[in-house]
Amino acid sequence: MTAPVWFLYPAAALAEIAGCFAFWAWWRMGATPLWLLPGMASLAAFAFLLALVPADHAGRAYATYGGIYIAASILWGWAMEGARPDRWDIAGGLVCLAGAAIILLGPRSA
């Protein structure tokens, strides 16, 4: 049994962003290489969660996820790095979420 899509996409985004941030912290911020271990585990969790998304095609799942990821990245920057989104970040994030919704919820022919 899979979790609902409304949970899987944000959970996958959080896992991917956290995993990538662990690499960023090591490479760009001078954090200890030990950050790479939870980073790799988080990236593996991301791949697992995205694979659970109930979609007919992987490409469609990834395309939908892209919009969620962009919006989540803006929120991550604000919550974890103090980079408050400006109106362009917000507008771009909303456009991406609208695109993701169209892909996810659009009627499909049988």
N, C-alpha and C. Protein backbone atom coordinates (compact mmCIF):
# COMPACT_ATOMS: atom_id res chain seq x y z
N MET A 1 0.84 -1.19 0.00
CA MET A 1 0.00 0.00 0.00
C MET A 1 0.88 1.25 0.00
N THR A 2 0.54 2.20 -0.81
CA THR A 2 1.33 3.43 -0.88
C THR A 2 0.63 4.56 -0.14
N ALA A 3 1.43 5.50 0.29
CA ALA A 3 0.89 6.68 0.95
C ALA A 3 0.24 7.58 -0.09
N PRO A 4 -0.64 8.47 0.35
CA PRO A 4 -1.27 9.38 -0.61
C PRO A 4 -0.25 10.31 -1.26
N VAL A 5 -0.54 10.70 -2.47
CA VAL A 5 0.38 11.52 -3.25
C VAL A 5 0.65 12.86 -2.57
N TRP A 6 -0.32 13.40 -1.86
CA TRP A 6 -0.12 14.68 -1.18
C TRP A 6 0.94 14.59 -0.10
N PHE A 7 1.23 13.39 0.37
CA PHE A 7 2.29 13.17 1.35
C PHE A 7 3.62 12.83 0.67
N LEU A 8 3.56 12.01 -0.37
CA LEU A 8 4.79 11.51 -0.99
C LEU A 8 5.62 12.60 -1.65
N TYR A 9 5.00 13.47 -2.42
CA TYR A 9 5.77 14.51 -3.10
C TYR A 9 6.49 15.44 -2.12
N PRO A 10 5.79 16.00 -1.13
CA PRO A 10 6.51 16.86 -0.18
C PRO A 10 7.57 16.11 0.64
N ALA A 11 7.28 14.86 1.00
CA ALA A 11 8.27 14.07 1.75
C ALA A 11 9.50 13.80 0.90
N ALA A 12 9.29 13.49 -0.36
CA ALA A 12 10.42 13.27 -1.28
C ALA A 12 11.22 14.56 -1.45
N ALA A 13 10.53 15.68 -1.57
CA ALA A 13 11.23 16.96 -1.73
C ALA A 13 12.07 17.28 -0.50
N LEU A 14 11.50 17.08 0.68
CA LEU A 14 12.25 17.32 1.91
C LEU A 14 13.48 16.43 1.97
N ALA A 15 13.33 15.16 1.62
CA ALA A 15 14.46 14.23 1.66
C ALA A 15 15.53 14.63 0.66
N GLU A 16 15.13 15.02 -0.54
CA GLU A 16 16.13 15.40 -1.54
C GLU A 16 16.84 16.70 -1.16
N ILE A 17 16.09 17.67 -0.73
CA ILE A 17 16.71 18.94 -0.36
C ILE A 17 17.64 18.76 0.83
N ALA A 18 17.22 18.00 1.82
CA ALA A 18 18.09 17.76 2.98
C ALA A 18 19.36 17.02 2.57
N GLY A 19 19.21 16.03 1.69
CA GLY A 19 20.39 15.29 1.23
C GLY A 19 21.34 16.16 0.45
N CYS A 20 20.80 16.96 -0.44
CA CYS A 20 21.64 17.87 -1.22
C CYS A 20 22.27 18.93 -0.33
N PHE A 21 21.52 19.40 0.67
CA PHE A 21 22.07 20.40 1.58
C PHE A 21 23.24 19.83 2.38
N ALA A 22 23.17 18.54 2.72
CA ALA A 22 24.28 17.92 3.44
C ALA A 22 25.56 17.98 2.61
N PHE A 23 25.44 17.71 1.32
CA PHE A 23 26.60 17.82 0.43
C PHE A 23 27.05 19.28 0.31
N TRP A 24 26.09 20.19 0.20
CA TRP A 24 26.40 21.61 0.12
C TRP A 24 27.16 22.05 1.38
N ALA A 25 26.66 21.63 2.54
CA ALA A 25 27.31 22.02 3.80
C ALA A 25 28.74 21.50 3.86
N TRP A 26 28.97 20.29 3.42
CA TRP A 26 30.32 19.73 3.42
C TRP A 26 31.22 20.46 2.42
N TRP A 27 30.74 20.59 1.20
CA TRP A 27 31.57 21.15 0.12
C TRP A 27 31.75 22.66 0.22
N ARG A 28 30.64 23.36 0.50
CA ARG A 28 30.68 24.81 0.42
C ARG A 28 30.78 25.52 1.76
N MET A 29 30.42 24.83 2.85
CA MET A 29 30.41 25.49 4.15
C MET A 29 31.45 24.94 5.10
N GLY A 30 32.21 23.95 4.64
CA GLY A 30 33.28 23.40 5.47
C GLY A 30 32.83 22.45 6.57
N ALA A 31 31.64 21.89 6.45
CA ALA A 31 31.16 20.93 7.45
C ALA A 31 31.99 19.65 7.35
N THR A 32 32.00 18.89 8.40
CA THR A 32 32.74 17.64 8.44
C THR A 32 32.21 16.67 7.38
N PRO A 33 33.09 15.82 6.82
CA PRO A 33 32.62 14.83 5.85
C PRO A 33 31.57 13.87 6.40
N LEU A 34 31.42 13.82 7.70
CA LEU A 34 30.39 12.96 8.29
C LEU A 34 28.99 13.39 7.86
N TRP A 35 28.85 14.63 7.42
CA TRP A 35 27.56 15.10 6.91
C TRP A 35 27.13 14.31 5.68
N LEU A 36 28.10 13.71 4.99
CA LEU A 36 27.77 12.96 3.77
C LEU A 36 26.97 11.70 4.05
N LEU A 37 27.16 11.09 5.21
CA LEU A 37 26.43 9.86 5.53
C LEU A 37 24.92 10.09 5.62
N PRO A 38 24.46 11.02 6.46
CA PRO A 38 23.01 11.26 6.46
C PRO A 38 22.54 11.85 5.13
N GLY A 39 23.42 12.58 4.45
CA GLY A 39 23.05 13.12 3.14
C GLY A 39 22.74 12.01 2.15
N MET A 40 23.60 11.00 2.11
CA MET A 40 23.37 9.88 1.19
C MET A 40 22.12 9.09 1.59
N ALA A 41 21.91 8.91 2.89
CA ALA A 41 20.70 8.21 3.34
C ALA A 41 19.45 9.00 2.96
N SER A 42 19.53 10.31 3.08
CA SER A 42 18.39 11.14 2.74
C SER A 42 18.11 11.09 1.24
N LEU A 43 19.15 11.07 0.41
CA LEU A 43 18.95 10.97 -1.03
C LEU A 43 18.37 9.60 -1.41
N ALA A 44 18.77 8.55 -0.71
CA ALA A 44 18.18 7.24 -0.96
C ALA A 44 16.70 7.24 -0.57
N ALA A 45 16.39 7.89 0.55
CA ALA A 45 14.98 7.99 0.97
C ALA A 45 14.17 8.77 -0.07
N PHE A 46 14.76 9.81 -0.63
CA PHE A 46 14.10 10.57 -1.69
C PHE A 46 13.74 9.66 -2.86
N ALA A 47 14.70 8.89 -3.33
CA ALA A 47 14.44 8.01 -4.48
C ALA A 47 13.36 6.99 -4.16
N PHE A 48 13.40 6.45 -2.96
CA PHE A 48 12.40 5.46 -2.53
C PHE A 48 11.01 6.10 -2.49
N LEU A 49 10.90 7.27 -1.88
CA LEU A 49 9.61 7.94 -1.77
C LEU A 49 9.04 8.30 -3.13
N LEU A 50 9.88 8.79 -4.02
CA LEU A 50 9.38 9.16 -5.34
C LEU A 50 8.94 7.92 -6.12
N ALA A 51 9.60 6.79 -5.89
CA ALA A 51 9.21 5.55 -6.56
C ALA A 51 7.84 5.05 -6.08
N LEU A 52 7.41 5.50 -4.92
CA LEU A 52 6.11 5.08 -4.38
C LEU A 52 4.94 5.85 -4.98
N VAL A 53 5.23 6.95 -5.66
CA VAL A 53 4.17 7.78 -6.23
C VAL A 53 3.36 6.97 -7.24
N PRO A 54 2.04 6.92 -7.07
CA PRO A 54 1.22 6.17 -8.01
C PRO A 54 1.04 6.95 -9.32
N ALA A 55 1.85 6.62 -10.30
CA ALA A 55 1.77 7.29 -11.60
C ALA A 55 1.92 6.23 -12.69
N ASP A 56 1.29 6.49 -13.82
CA ASP A 56 1.38 5.56 -14.94
C ASP A 56 2.77 5.53 -15.56
N HIS A 57 3.46 6.67 -15.49
CA HIS A 57 4.77 6.78 -16.11
C HIS A 57 5.71 7.51 -15.16
N ALA A 58 6.95 7.05 -15.09
CA ALA A 58 7.94 7.69 -14.22
C ALA A 58 8.15 9.15 -14.62
N GLY A 59 8.20 9.42 -15.92
CA GLY A 59 8.42 10.78 -16.38
C GLY A 59 7.36 11.75 -15.88
N ARG A 60 6.12 11.30 -15.85
CA ARG A 60 5.04 12.16 -15.36
C ARG A 60 5.19 12.40 -13.86
N ALA A 61 5.58 11.37 -13.14
CA ALA A 61 5.81 11.53 -11.70
C ALA A 61 6.94 12.51 -11.46
N TYR A 62 8.02 12.41 -12.23
CA TYR A 62 9.17 13.30 -12.06
C TYR A 62 8.81 14.73 -12.44
N ALA A 63 8.03 14.89 -13.51
CA ALA A 63 7.65 16.23 -13.95
C ALA A 63 6.79 16.92 -12.88
N THR A 64 5.83 16.18 -12.34
CA THR A 64 5.01 16.73 -11.26
C THR A 64 5.87 17.08 -10.06
N TYR A 65 6.76 16.17 -9.73
CA TYR A 65 7.65 16.38 -8.59
C TYR A 65 8.49 17.65 -8.75
N GLY A 66 8.89 17.95 -9.98
CA GLY A 66 9.73 19.12 -10.21
C GLY A 66 9.11 20.41 -9.69
N GLY A 67 7.81 20.57 -9.92
CA GLY A 67 7.13 21.76 -9.42
C GLY A 67 7.10 21.81 -7.90
N ILE A 68 6.85 20.66 -7.29
CA ILE A 68 6.84 20.57 -5.83
C ILE A 68 8.22 20.88 -5.28
N TYR A 69 9.24 20.33 -5.93
CA TYR A 69 10.63 20.52 -5.49
C TYR A 69 11.00 22.01 -5.52
N ILE A 70 10.62 22.69 -6.57
CA ILE A 70 10.97 24.11 -6.68
C ILE A 70 10.34 24.91 -5.55
N ALA A 71 9.06 24.70 -5.31
CA ALA A 71 8.39 25.42 -4.22
C ALA A 71 8.99 25.05 -2.87
N ALA A 72 9.28 23.77 -2.66
CA ALA A 72 9.88 23.32 -1.40
C ALA A 72 11.27 23.92 -1.21
N SER A 73 12.02 24.06 -2.29
CA SER A 73 13.36 24.64 -2.20
C SER A 73 13.29 26.10 -1.75
N ILE A 74 12.30 26.82 -2.24
CA ILE A 74 12.13 28.21 -1.82
C ILE A 74 11.80 28.26 -0.33
N LEU A 75 10.93 27.36 0.12
CA LEU A 75 10.58 27.31 1.55
C LEU A 75 11.78 26.89 2.40
N TRP A 76 12.59 25.94 1.90
CA TRP A 76 13.79 25.50 2.62
C TRP A 76 14.74 26.69 2.81
N GLY A 77 14.97 27.43 1.73
CA GLY A 77 15.85 28.58 1.83
C GLY A 77 15.40 29.58 2.87
N TRP A 78 14.10 29.75 2.98
CA TRP A 78 13.55 30.67 3.96
C TRP A 78 13.67 30.11 5.38
N ALA A 79 13.22 28.86 5.56
CA ALA A 79 13.18 28.27 6.90
C ALA A 79 14.56 27.92 7.44
N MET A 80 15.44 27.39 6.58
CA MET A 80 16.71 26.86 7.07
C MET A 80 17.89 27.81 6.85
N GLU A 81 17.77 28.70 5.88
CA GLU A 81 18.90 29.57 5.57
C GLU A 81 18.59 31.05 5.73
N GLY A 82 17.35 31.36 6.09
CA GLY A 82 16.97 32.75 6.33
C GLY A 82 16.86 33.60 5.07
N ALA A 83 16.76 32.95 3.90
CA ALA A 83 16.63 33.68 2.64
C ALA A 83 15.15 33.89 2.36
N ARG A 84 14.64 35.00 2.83
CA ARG A 84 13.21 35.29 2.66
C ARG A 84 12.87 35.43 1.18
N PRO A 85 11.85 34.70 0.71
CA PRO A 85 11.50 34.79 -0.71
C PRO A 85 10.96 36.18 -1.07
N ASP A 86 11.36 36.65 -2.24
CA ASP A 86 10.81 37.91 -2.72
C ASP A 86 9.62 37.60 -3.63
N ARG A 87 9.03 38.64 -4.18
CA ARG A 87 7.83 38.43 -4.99
C ARG A 87 8.11 37.56 -6.21
N TRP A 88 9.32 37.60 -6.74
CA TRP A 88 9.66 36.79 -7.91
C TRP A 88 9.80 35.32 -7.54
N ASP A 89 10.37 35.05 -6.37
CA ASP A 89 10.43 33.68 -5.88
C ASP A 89 9.02 33.11 -5.69
N ILE A 90 8.17 33.91 -5.07
CA ILE A 90 6.80 33.47 -4.82
C ILE A 90 6.04 33.26 -6.12
N ALA A 91 6.15 34.21 -7.04
CA ALA A 91 5.46 34.07 -8.33
C ALA A 91 5.97 32.85 -9.08
N GLY A 92 7.27 32.67 -9.13
CA GLY A 92 7.84 31.51 -9.82
C GLY A 92 7.42 30.20 -9.18
N GLY A 93 7.42 30.16 -7.84
CA GLY A 93 6.98 28.96 -7.14
C GLY A 93 5.52 28.62 -7.42
N LEU A 94 4.68 29.65 -7.46
CA LEU A 94 3.26 29.42 -7.75
C LEU A 94 3.05 28.93 -9.18
N VAL A 95 3.80 29.48 -10.12
CA VAL A 95 3.71 29.02 -11.51
C VAL A 95 4.11 27.54 -11.58
N CYS A 96 5.18 27.18 -10.88
CA CYS A 96 5.62 25.78 -10.89
C CYS A 96 4.59 24.86 -10.25
N LEU A 97 3.99 25.30 -9.14
CA LEU A 97 2.95 24.49 -8.50
C LEU A 97 1.73 24.35 -9.41
N ALA A 98 1.39 25.42 -10.13
CA ALA A 98 0.27 25.34 -11.08
C ALA A 98 0.59 24.32 -12.17
N GLY A 99 1.81 24.35 -12.68
CA GLY A 99 2.22 23.37 -13.69
C GLY A 99 2.17 21.95 -13.15
N ALA A 100 2.63 21.76 -11.93
CA ALA A 100 2.59 20.44 -11.32
C ALA A 100 1.15 19.96 -11.17
N ALA A 101 0.26 20.86 -10.76
CA ALA A 101 -1.16 20.50 -10.60
C ALA A 101 -1.78 20.11 -11.94
N ILE A 102 -1.42 20.83 -12.99
CA ILE A 102 -1.95 20.49 -14.31
C ILE A 102 -1.50 19.09 -14.72
N ILE A 103 -0.23 18.80 -14.52
CA ILE A 103 0.29 17.47 -14.87
C ILE A 103 -0.36 16.40 -14.02
N LEU A 104 -0.45 16.65 -12.71
CA LEU A 104 -0.98 15.64 -11.79
C LEU A 104 -2.48 15.41 -11.96
N LEU A 105 -3.23 16.48 -12.12
CA LEU A 105 -4.69 16.38 -12.07
C LEU A 105 -5.37 16.42 -13.44
N GLY A 106 -4.59 16.64 -14.48
CA GLY A 106 -5.18 16.74 -15.81
C GLY A 106 -5.90 15.46 -16.22
N PRO A 107 -7.03 15.60 -16.93
CA PRO A 107 -7.75 14.41 -17.36
C PRO A 107 -6.90 13.62 -18.37
N ARG A 108 -6.95 12.32 -18.23
CA ARG A 108 -6.19 11.44 -19.12
C ARG A 108 -7.16 10.60 -19.93
N SER A 109 -6.83 10.43 -21.18
CA SER A 109 -7.66 9.52 -22.00
C SER A 109 -7.23 8.10 -21.73
N ALA A 110 -8.19 7.21 -21.78
CA ALA A 110 -7.92 5.82 -21.43
C ALA A 110 -7.16 5.09 -22.50
